[in-house]
PDB file of N, CA and C in Angstrom:
ATOM      1  N   MET A   1     100.370 143.477  55.611  1.00  0.00           N
ATOM      2  CA  MET A   1     101.229 144.782  56.039  1.00  0.00           C
ATOM      3  C   MET A   1     101.099 144.833  57.592  1.00  0.00           C
ATOM      4  N   ASP A   2      99.991 144.313  58.023  1.00  0.00           N
ATOM      5  CA  ASP A   2      99.692 144.295  59.570  1.00  0.00           C
ATOM      6  C   ASP A   2     100.667 143.460  60.265  1.00  0.00           C
ATOM      7  N   ILE A   3     101.146 142.428  59.689  1.00  0.00           N
ATOM      8  CA  ILE A   3     102.008 141.376  60.302  1.00  0.00           C
ATOM      9  C   ILE A   3     103.469 141.937  60.287  1.00  0.00           C
ATOM     10  N   GLU A   4     103.906 142.841  59.261  1.00  0.00           N
ATOM     11  CA  GLU A   4     105.057 143.531  59.200  1.00  0.00           C
ATOM     12  C   GLU A   4     105.085 144.539  60.318  1.00  0.00           C
ATOM     13  N   ILE A   5     103.937 145.220  60.624  1.00  0.00           N
ATOM     14  CA  ILE A   5     104.013 146.185  61.743  1.00  0.00           C
ATOM     15  C   ILE A   5     104.107 145.384  62.967  1.00  0.00           C
ATOM     16  N   LYS A   6     103.488 144.355  63.201  1.00  0.00           N
ATOM     17  CA  LYS A   6     103.648 143.596  64.596  1.00  0.00           C
ATOM     18  C   LYS A   6     105.107 142.930  64.795  1.00  0.00           C
ATOM     19  N   ARG A   7     105.690 142.539  63.658  1.00  0.00           N
ATOM     20  CA  ARG A   7     106.993 142.220  63.654  1.00  0.00           C
ATOM     21  C   ARG A   7     107.970 143.379  64.156  1.00  0.00           C
ATOM     22  N   ALA A   8     107.806 144.454  63.514  1.00  0.00           N
ATOM     23  CA  ALA A   8     108.436 145.680  63.805  1.00  0.00           C
ATOM     24  C   ALA A   8     108.349 146.188  65.219  1.00  0.00           C
ATOM     25  N   GLU A   9     107.016 145.998  65.708  1.00  0.00           N
ATOM     26  CA  GLU A   9     106.802 146.338  67.148  1.00  0.00           C
ATOM     27  C   GLU A   9     107.533 145.284  68.086  1.00  0.00           C
ATOM     28  N   LEU A  10     107.476 143.992  67.725  1.00  0.00           N
ATOM     29  CA  LEU A  10     108.062 142.986  68.492  1.00  0.00           C
ATOM     30  C   LEU A  10     109.633 143.087  68.612  1.00  0.00           C
ATOM     31  N   GLN A  11     110.174 143.557  67.373  1.00  0.00           N
ATOM     32  CA  GLN A  11     111.677 143.770  67.437  1.00  0.00           C
ATOM     33  C   GLN A  11     111.862 144.959  68.152  1.00  0.00           C
ATOM     34  N   THR A  12     111.194 146.037  68.096  1.00  0.00           N
ATOM     35  CA  THR A  12     111.365 147.150  68.884  1.00  0.00           C
ATOM     36  C   THR A  12     111.229 146.906  70.308  1.00  0.00           C
ATOM     37  N   LYS A  13     110.501 146.062  70.791  1.00  0.00           N
ATOM     38  CA  LYS A  13     110.133 145.662  72.122  1.00  0.00           C
ATOM     39  C   LYS A  13     111.568 144.957  72.586  1.00  0.00           C
ATOM     40  N   TYR A  14     111.931 143.849  71.768  1.00  0.00           N
ATOM     41  CA  TYR A  14     113.120 143.206  72.234  1.00  0.00           C
ATOM     42  C   TYR A  14     114.280 144.144  72.466  1.00  0.00           C
ATOM     43  N   ASN A  15     114.571 145.102  71.543  1.00  0.00           N
ATOM     44  CA  ASN A  15     115.650 145.979  71.400  1.00  0.00           C
ATOM     45  C   ASN A  15     115.472 146.807  72.677  1.00  0.00           C
ATOM     46  N   ASN A  16     114.577 147.456  73.040  1.00  0.00           N
ATOM     47  CA  ASN A  16     114.188 148.188  74.165  1.00  0.00           C
ATOM     48  C   ASN A  16     114.711 147.528  75.411  1.00  0.00           C
ATOM     49  N   TRP A  17     114.303 146.088  75.488  1.00  0.00           N
ATOM     50  CA  TRP A  17     114.442 145.299  76.792  1.00  0.00           C
ATOM     51  C   TRP A  17     116.050 145.274  76.940  1.00  0.00           C
ATOM     52  N   ILE A  18     116.854 145.027  75.615  1.00  0.00           N
ATOM     53  CA  ILE A  18     118.241 144.961  75.594  1.00  0.00           C
ATOM     54  C   ILE A  18     118.888 146.165  76.095  1.00  0.00           C
ATOM     55  N   LYS A  19     118.363 147.281  75.694  1.00  0.00           N
ATOM     56  CA  LYS A  19     118.914 148.510  76.047  1.00  0.00           C
ATOM     57  C   LYS A  19     118.675 148.756  77.627  1.00  0.00           C
ATOM     58  N   LYS A  20     117.501 148.518  78.053  1.00  0.00           N
ATOM     59  CA  LYS A  20     117.207 148.861  79.464  1.00  0.00           C
ATOM     60  C   LYS A  20     118.078 148.030  80.357  1.00  0.00           C
ATOM     61  N   ASN A  21     118.148 146.773  80.101  1.00  0.00           N
ATOM     62  CA  ASN A  21     118.990 145.919  81.036  1.00  0.00           C
ATOM     63  C   ASN A  21     120.438 146.068  80.920  1.00  0.00           C
ATOM     64  N   THR A  22     121.029 146.594  79.712  1.00  0.00           N
ATOM     65  CA  THR A  22     122.238 146.847  79.529  1.00  0.00           C
ATOM     66  C   THR A  22     122.663 147.999  80.424  1.00  0.00           C
ATOM     67  N   ARG A  23     121.797 149.091  80.465  1.00  0.00           N
ATOM     68  CA  ARG A  23     121.813 150.360  81.220  1.00  0.00           C
ATOM     69  C   ARG A  23     121.749 149.867  82.869  1.00  0.00           C
ATOM     70  N   ARG A  24     120.967 148.875  83.263  1.00  0.00           N
ATOM     71  CA  ARG A  24     120.864 148.278  84.549  1.00  0.00           C
ATOM     72  C   ARG A  24     122.125 147.610  84.870  1.00  0.00           C
ATOM     73  N   LEU A  25     122.735 146.879  84.036  1.00  0.00           N
ATOM     74  CA  LEU A  25     123.954 146.220  84.244  1.00  0.00           C
ATOM     75  C   LEU A  25     125.102 147.232  84.535  1.00  0.00           C
ATOM     76  N   VAL A  26     125.088 148.246  83.777  1.00  0.00           N
ATOM     77  CA  VAL A  26     126.224 149.234  84.042  1.00  0.00           C
ATOM     78  C   VAL A  26     125.965 150.045  85.296  1.00  0.00           C
ATOM     79  N   VAL A  27     124.785 150.229  85.827  1.00  0.00           N
ATOM     80  CA  VAL A  27     124.446 150.804  87.242  1.00  0.00           C
ATOM     81  C   VAL A  27     124.861 149.780  88.072  1.00  0.00           C
ATOM     82  N   ALA A  28     124.565 148.369  88.005  1.00  0.00           N
ATOM     83  CA  ALA A  28     124.992 147.469  88.972  1.00  0.00           C
ATOM     84  C   ALA A  28     126.612 147.503  88.951  1.00  0.00           C
ATOM     85  N   PHE A  29     127.203 147.583  87.937  1.00  0.00           N
ATOM     86  CA  PHE A  29     128.680 147.539  87.946  1.00  0.00           C
ATOM     87  C   PHE A  29     129.309 148.798  88.671  1.00  0.00           C
ATOM     88  N   ILE A  30     128.669 149.888  88.378  1.00  0.00           N
ATOM     89  CA  ILE A  30     129.104 151.108  89.190  1.00  0.00           C
ATOM     90  C   ILE A  30     128.849 150.894  90.794  1.00  0.00           C
ATOM     91  N   ALA A  31     127.682 150.440  91.027  1.00  0.00           N
ATOM     92  CA  ALA A  31     127.304 150.110  92.435  1.00  0.00           C
ATOM     93  C   ALA A  31     128.335 149.026  92.993  1.00  0.00           C
ATOM     94  N   TYR A  32     128.644 148.025  92.265  1.00  0.00           N
ATOM     95  CA  TYR A  32     129.640 146.939  92.767  1.00  0.00           C
ATOM     96  C   TYR A  32     131.013 147.516  92.888  1.00  0.00           C
ATOM     97  N   ILE A  33     131.469 148.430  92.098  1.00  0.00           N
ATOM     98  CA  ILE A  33     132.790 149.136  92.323  1.00  0.00           C
ATOM     99  C   ILE A  33     132.652 150.027  93.614  1.00  0.00           C
ATOM    100  N   VAL A  34     131.562 150.791  93.761  1.00  0.00           N
ATOM    101  CA  VAL A  34     131.527 151.777  94.956  1.00  0.00           C
ATOM    102  C   VAL A  34     131.580 150.704  96.373  1.00  0.00           C
ATOM    103  N   ILE A  35     130.891 149.701  96.186  1.00  0.00           N
ATOM    104  CA  ILE A  35     130.786 148.689  97.402  1.00  0.00           C
ATOM    105  C   ILE A  35     132.286 148.351  97.786  1.00  0.00           C
ATOM    106  N   ILE A  36     132.970 147.827  96.717  1.00  0.00           N
ATOM    107  CA  ILE A  36     134.170 147.265  96.831  1.00  0.00           C
ATOM    108  C   ILE A  36     135.187 148.366  97.269  1.00  0.00           C
ATOM    109  N   LEU A  37     135.186 149.673  96.688  1.00  0.00           N
ATOM    110  CA  LEU A  37     135.961 150.721  97.120  1.00  0.00           C
ATOM    111  C   LEU A  37     135.653 151.125  98.645  1.00  0.00           C
ATOM    112  N   ILE A  38     134.513 151.168  98.966  1.00  0.00           N
ATOM    113  CA  ILE A  38     133.990 151.477 100.395  1.00  0.00           C
ATOM    114  C   ILE A  38     134.603 150.335 101.436  1.00  0.00           C
ATOM    115  N   ASN A  39     134.511 149.131 100.813  1.00  0.00           N
ATOM    116  CA  ASN A  39     134.884 148.004 101.757  1.00  0.00           C
ATOM    117  C   ASN A  39     136.484 148.104 101.856  1.00  0.00           C
ATOM    118  N   PHE A  40     137.399 148.275 100.829  1.00  0.00           N
ATOM    119  CA  PHE A  40     138.739 148.351 101.005  1.00  0.00           C
ATOM    120  C   PHE A  40     139.121 149.372 101.667  1.00  0.00           C
ATOM    121  N   LEU A  41     138.428 150.545 101.457  1.00  0.00           N
ATOM    122  CA  LEU A  41     138.904 151.783 102.187  1.00  0.00           C
ATOM    123  C   LEU A  41     138.536 151.859 103.645  1.00  0.00           C
ATOM    124  N   LEU A  42     137.445 151.556 104.056  1.00  0.00           N
ATOM    125  CA  LEU A  42     136.806 151.613 105.360  1.00  0.00           C
ATOM    126  C   LEU A  42     136.749 150.412 106.205  1.00  0.00           C
ATOM    127  N   LEU A  43     135.949 149.253 105.531  1.00  0.00           N
ATOM    128  CA  LEU A  43     135.552 148.272 106.334  1.00  0.00           C
ATOM    129  C   LEU A  43     136.387 147.101 106.351  1.00  0.00           C
ATOM    130  N   LYS A  44     137.133 146.772 105.368  1.00  0.00           N
ATOM    131  CA  LYS A  44     138.164 145.588 105.256  1.00  0.00           C
ATOM    132  C   LYS A  44     137.422 144.380 105.587  1.00  0.00           C
ATOM    133  N   ASN A  45     136.296 144.200 105.119  1.00  0.00           N
ATOM    134  CA  ASN A  45     135.409 142.827 105.368  1.00  0.00           C
ATOM    135  C   ASN A  45     135.425 142.007 104.193  1.00  0.00           C
ATOM    136  N   SER A  46     136.099 140.845 104.220  1.00  0.00           N
ATOM    137  CA  SER A  46     136.175 140.028 102.966  1.00  0.00           C
ATOM    138  C   SER A  46     134.759 139.328 102.746  1.00  0.00           C
ATOM    139  N   LYS A  47     133.860 139.282 103.674  1.00  0.00           N
ATOM    140  CA  LYS A  47     132.632 138.697 103.410  1.00  0.00           C
ATOM    141  C   LYS A  47     131.753 139.598 102.606  1.00  0.00           C
ATOM    142  N   ILE A  48     131.859 140.876 102.537  1.00  0.00           N
ATOM    143  CA  ILE A  48     131.175 141.912 101.849  1.00  0.00           C
ATOM    144  C   ILE A  48     131.643 141.779 100.556  1.00  0.00           C
ATOM    145  N   THR A  49     132.949 141.657 100.285  1.00  0.00           N
ATOM    146  CA  THR A  49     133.503 141.555  99.046  1.00  0.00           C
ATOM    147  C   THR A  49     133.140 140.226  98.281  1.00  0.00           C
ATOM    148  N   LEU A  50     133.192 139.195  99.117  1.00  0.00           N
ATOM    149  CA  LEU A  50     132.704 137.898  98.522  1.00  0.00           C
ATOM    150  C   LEU A  50     131.214 138.014  97.961  1.00  0.00           C
ATOM    151  N   PHE A  51     130.525 138.295  98.885  1.00  0.00           N
ATOM    152  CA  PHE A  51     129.033 138.469  98.663  1.00  0.00           C
ATOM    153  C   PHE A  51     128.712 139.231  97.416  1.00  0.00           C
ATOM    154  N   SER A  52     129.136 140.630  97.458  1.00  0.00           N
ATOM    155  CA  SER A  52     129.050 141.440  96.344  1.00  0.00           C
ATOM    156  C   SER A  52     129.454 140.952  94.968  1.00  0.00           C
ATOM    157  N   SER A  53     130.751 140.232  95.262  1.00  0.00           N
ATOM    158  CA  SER A  53     131.179 139.669  93.841  1.00  0.00           C
ATOM    159  C   SER A  53     130.374 138.541  93.219  1.00  0.00           C
ATOM    160  N   PHE A  54     130.007 137.711  94.253  1.00  0.00           N
ATOM    161  CA  PHE A  54     129.046 136.739  93.891  1.00  0.00           C
ATOM    162  C   PHE A  54     127.696 137.297  93.226  1.00  0.00           C
ATOM    163  N   LEU A  55     127.042 138.214  93.848  1.00  0.00           N
ATOM    164  CA  LEU A  55     125.880 138.719  93.290  1.00  0.00           C
ATOM    165  C   LEU A  55     126.029 139.419  92.119  1.00  0.00           C
ATOM    166  N   PHE A  56     126.944 140.166  91.721  1.00  0.00           N
ATOM    167  CA  PHE A  56     127.301 140.851  90.563  1.00  0.00           C
ATOM    168  C   PHE A  56     127.610 139.822  89.423  1.00  0.00           C
ATOM    169  N   PHE A  57     128.299 138.786  89.890  1.00  0.00           N
ATOM    170  CA  PHE A  57     128.601 137.765  88.890  1.00  0.00           C
ATOM    171  C   PHE A  57     127.388 136.936  88.372  1.00  0.00           C
ATOM    172  N   THR A  58     126.683 136.717  89.338  1.00  0.00           N
ATOM    173  CA  THR A  58     125.244 135.838  88.956  1.00  0.00           C
ATOM    174  C   THR A  58     124.313 136.867  88.156  1.00  0.00           C
ATOM    175  N   TYR A  59     124.402 138.046  88.450  1.00  0.00           N
ATOM    176  CA  TYR A  59     123.378 139.115  87.824  1.00  0.00           C
ATOM    177  C   TYR A  59     124.027 139.295  86.371  1.00  0.00           C
ATOM    178  N   THR A  60     125.443 139.447  86.151  1.00  0.00           N
ATOM    179  CA  THR A  60     126.050 139.564  84.837  1.00  0.00           C
ATOM    180  C   THR A  60     125.674 138.350  83.956  1.00  0.00           C
ATOM    181  N   VAL A  61     125.775 137.154  84.485  1.00  0.00           N
ATOM    182  CA  VAL A  61     125.428 136.017  83.754  1.00  0.00           C
ATOM    183  C   VAL A  61     124.087 135.951  83.369  1.00  0.00           C
ATOM    184  N   TYR A  62     123.208 136.239  84.249  1.00  0.00           N
ATOM    185  CA  TYR A  62     121.695 136.301  83.892  1.00  0.00           C
ATOM    186  C   TYR A  62     121.452 137.181  82.812  1.00  0.00           C
ATOM    187  N   VAL A  63     121.896 138.357  82.981  1.00  0.00           N
ATOM    188  CA  VAL A  63     121.678 139.550  81.850  1.00  0.00           C
ATOM    189  C   VAL A  63     122.158 139.106  80.633  1.00  0.00           C
ATOM    190  N   LEU A  64     123.626 138.701  80.549  1.00  0.00           N
ATOM    191  CA  LEU A  64     124.244 138.301  79.317  1.00  0.00           C
ATOM    192  C   LEU A  64     123.671 137.247  78.630  1.00  0.00           C
ATOM    193  N   SER A  65     123.323 136.224  79.444  1.00  0.00           N
ATOM    194  CA  SER A  65     122.516 135.238  78.823  1.00  0.00           C
ATOM    195  C   SER A  65     121.163 135.516  78.093  1.00  0.00           C
ATOM    196  N   LEU A  66     120.420 136.180  78.872  1.00  0.00           N
ATOM    197  CA  LEU A  66     119.137 136.683  78.373  1.00  0.00           C
ATOM    198  C   LEU A  66     119.198 137.582  77.041  1.00  0.00           C
ATOM    199  N   ILE A  67     120.332 138.526  77.006  1.00  0.00           N
ATOM    200  CA  ILE A  67     120.685 139.415  75.867  1.00  0.00           C
ATOM    201  C   ILE A  67     120.996 138.412  74.609  1.00  0.00           C
ATOM    202  N   TRP A  68     121.864 137.486  74.963  1.00  0.00           N
ATOM    203  CA  TRP A  68     122.276 136.398  73.807  1.00  0.00           C
ATOM    204  C   TRP A  68     121.169 135.711  73.451  1.00  0.00           C
ATOM    205  N   PHE A  69     120.153 135.265  74.198  1.00  0.00           N
ATOM    206  CA  PHE A  69     119.292 134.555  73.792  1.00  0.00           C
ATOM    207  C   PHE A  69     118.136 135.440  72.873  1.00  0.00           C
ATOM    208  N   ILE A  70     118.015 136.602  73.220  1.00  0.00           N
ATOM    209  CA  ILE A  70     117.089 137.410  72.639  1.00  0.00           C
ATOM    210  C   ILE A  70     117.570 137.914  71.031  1.00  0.00           C
ATOM    211  N   LYS A  71     118.965 138.109  71.255  1.00  0.00           N
ATOM    212  CA  LYS A  71     119.500 138.599  69.758  1.00  0.00           C
ATOM    213  C   LYS A  71     119.747 137.284  68.934  1.00  0.00           C
ATOM    214  N   ASN A  72     119.967 136.017  69.418  1.00  0.00           N
ATOM    215  CA  ASN A  72     120.333 134.915  68.493  1.00  0.00           C
ATOM    216  C   ASN A  72     119.203 134.096  68.377  1.00  0.00           C
ATOM    217  N   LYS A  73     118.259 134.229  69.282  1.00  0.00           N
ATOM    218  CA  LYS A  73     117.110 133.183  68.973  1.00  0.00           C
ATOM    219  C   LYS A  73     115.812 133.805  68.615  1.00  0.00           C
ATOM    220  N   LEU A  74     115.374 134.972  69.296  1.00  0.00           N
ATOM    221  CA  LEU A  74     114.101 135.576  69.084  1.00  0.00           C
ATOM    222  C   LEU A  74     114.160 136.550  68.004  1.00  0.00           C
ATOM    223  N   ILE A  75     115.071 137.483  67.931  1.00  0.00           N
ATOM    224  CA  ILE A  75     115.194 138.301  66.879  1.00  0.00           C
ATOM    225  C   ILE A  75     115.684 137.703  65.579  1.00  0.00           C
ATOM    226  N   ALA A  76     116.746 136.888  65.573  1.00  0.00           N
ATOM    227  CA  ALA A  76     117.100 136.064  64.369  1.00  0.00           C
ATOM    228  C   ALA A  76     115.843 135.264  63.746  1.00  0.00           C
ATOM    229  N   ASN A  77     114.910 134.853  64.544  1.00  0.00           N
ATOM    230  CA  ASN A  77     113.877 134.151  64.094  1.00  0.00           C
ATOM    231  C   ASN A  77     112.499 134.948  64.084  1.00  0.00           C
ATOM    232  N   ILE A  78     112.551 136.234  63.977  1.00  0.00           N
ATOM    233  CA  ILE A  78     111.383 136.938  64.268  1.00  0.00           C
ATOM    234  C   ILE A  78     110.522 136.924  62.784  1.00  0.00           C
ATOM    235  N   ASP A  79     111.041 136.531  61.768  1.00  0.00           N
ATOM    236  CA  ASP A  79     110.459 136.379  60.459  1.00  0.00           C
ATOM    237  C   ASP A  79     109.488 135.094  60.493  1.00  0.00           C
ATOM    238  N   SER A  80     109.803 134.119  61.172  1.00  0.00           N
ATOM    239  CA  SER A  80     109.134 132.930  61.368  1.00  0.00           C
ATOM    240  C   SER A  80     107.955 132.937  62.363  1.00  0.00           C
ATOM    241  N   VAL A  81     107.728 134.188  63.035  1.00  0.00           N
ATOM    242  CA  VAL A  81     106.695 134.187  64.053  1.00  0.00           C
ATOM    243  C   VAL A  81     105.336 134.210  63.313  1.00  0.00           C
ATOM    244  N   ASP A  82     104.411 133.491  63.739  1.00  0.00           N
ATOM    245  CA  ASP A  82     102.948 133.343  63.287  1.00  0.00           C
ATOM    246  C   ASP A  82     102.168 134.121  64.166  1.00  0.00           C
ATOM    247  N   PHE A  83     101.729 135.373  63.686  1.00  0.00           N
ATOM    248  CA  PHE A  83     100.850 136.190  64.379  1.00  0.00           C
ATOM    249  C   PHE A  83      99.326 135.891  64.139  1.00  0.00           C
ATOM    250  N   ASP A  84      99.089 134.951  63.265  1.00  0.00           N
ATOM    251  CA  ASP A  84      97.542 134.643  63.061  1.00  0.00           C
ATOM    252  C   ASP A  84      97.025 133.483  63.889  1.00  0.00           C
ATOM    253  N   VAL A  85      97.867 133.135  64.952  1.00  0.00           N
ATOM    254  CA  VAL A  85      97.359 131.964  65.693  1.00  0.00           C
ATOM    255  C   VAL A  85      95.999 132.472  66.606  1.00  0.00           C
ATOM    256  N   LYS A  86      95.131 131.505  66.546  1.00  0.00           N
ATOM    257  CA  LYS A  86      93.760 131.889  67.074  1.00  0.00           C
ATOM    258  C   LYS A  86      93.651 131.093  68.319  1.00  0.00           C
TER     259      LYS A  86
END
């Protein structure tokens, strides 16, 4: 029974991480859109657009790849985790 509680806690931790980073990704997207709008309306600087696009793209790839890994590798194999390792 103790092992089932540990598995449930681990799965809850993984799911909370996914939710937290999904929220961060949405906030980063909103900030990206604001930066692009300010740039197009006021600054008209292509370097800002290029740099912010690159940063947002790399952050998106990072977060989505980690979410994929947690869902498909960690949560899918949570039943095979051995909590009795000493």
